[in-house]
Amino acid sequence: MSETTYRVTGMTCQHCVASVTEEVGALDGVTDVAVDLASGAVKVVGSAEESAVREAVEEAGYELAS
């Protein structure tokens, strides 16, 4: 199991956190998602590829920081 932290831009409230958590958490291989609203950090535990995480974040309406 790997743990990767991404930075997501555009999140401003708890609804944003819930949306990102739901979309990323639904990915195959993801066992845990922790979102820190203040920093924009999204910690993903599991075996999901970055491209899949990026797509899930975009589906929720946000972007991974470059």
Protein backbone atom coordinates (compact mmCIF):
# COMPACT_ATOMS: atom_id res chain seq x y z
CA MET A 1 0.00 0.00 0.00
CA SER A 2 1.36 3.38 -0.90
CA GLU A 3 0.47 6.79 0.45
CA THR A 4 0.64 9.83 -1.82
CA THR A 5 -0.24 13.42 -1.05
CA TYR A 6 -1.54 15.69 -3.80
CA ARG A 7 -2.38 19.38 -3.70
CA VAL A 8 -5.84 20.31 -4.95
CA THR A 9 -6.79 23.86 -5.90
CA GLY A 10 -10.20 25.48 -5.74
CA MET A 11 -11.60 23.87 -2.58
CA THR A 12 -13.25 26.44 -0.29
CA CYS A 13 -15.66 24.59 2.02
CA GLN A 14 -16.66 21.28 3.56
CA HIS A 15 -18.83 20.48 0.54
CA CYS A 16 -15.66 20.66 -1.58
CA VAL A 17 -13.91 18.28 0.83
CA ALA A 18 -16.84 15.86 0.66
CA SER A 19 -16.93 15.94 -3.15
CA VAL A 20 -13.21 15.24 -3.52
CA THR A 21 -13.31 12.55 -0.84
CA GLU A 22 -16.24 10.81 -2.53
CA GLU A 23 -14.79 10.87 -6.06
CA VAL A 24 -11.25 9.84 -5.10
CA GLY A 25 -12.49 7.29 -2.56
CA ALA A 26 -14.52 5.55 -5.27
CA LEU A 27 -11.40 4.73 -7.30
CA ASP A 28 -10.31 1.10 -7.51
CA GLY A 29 -7.40 0.46 -5.19
CA VAL A 30 -8.01 3.45 -2.89
CA THR A 31 -8.41 2.42 0.74
CA ASP A 32 -8.41 5.85 2.43
CA VAL A 33 -8.65 9.53 1.53
CA ALA A 34 -7.88 12.42 3.88
CA VAL A 35 -8.49 16.00 2.73
CA ASP A 36 -7.10 19.05 4.52
CA LEU A 37 -9.12 22.07 3.39
CA ALA A 38 -6.71 24.69 4.75
CA SER A 39 -3.67 23.44 2.82
CA GLY A 40 -5.45 21.77 -0.09
CA ALA A 41 -3.60 18.54 0.67
CA VAL A 42 -5.29 15.29 -0.32
CA LYS A 43 -3.66 12.17 1.09
CA VAL A 44 -4.54 9.04 -0.88
CA VAL A 45 -3.76 5.59 0.50
CA GLY A 46 -3.84 2.71 -1.94
CA SER A 47 -2.74 1.80 -5.42
CA ALA A 48 -4.50 4.34 -7.66
CA GLU A 49 -2.50 5.92 -10.48
CA GLU A 50 -1.98 9.70 -10.45
CA SER A 51 -3.90 10.00 -13.72
CA ALA A 52 -6.95 8.33 -12.13
CA VAL A 53 -6.72 10.61 -9.08
CA ARG A 54 -6.44 13.64 -11.39
CA GLU A 55 -9.58 12.55 -13.30
CA ALA A 56 -11.52 11.98 -10.06
CA VAL A 57 -10.53 15.40 -8.71
CA GLU A 58 -11.57 17.02 -11.99
CA GLU A 59 -14.87 15.12 -11.91
CA ALA A 60 -15.46 16.69 -8.48
CA GLY A 61 -14.86 20.11 -10.05
CA TYR A 62 -11.31 20.87 -8.90
CA GLU A 63 -7.73 20.55 -10.17
CA LEU A 64 -4.51 18.98 -9.01
CA ALA A 65 -1.82 21.63 -8.59
CA SER A 66 1.11 21.26 -10.97
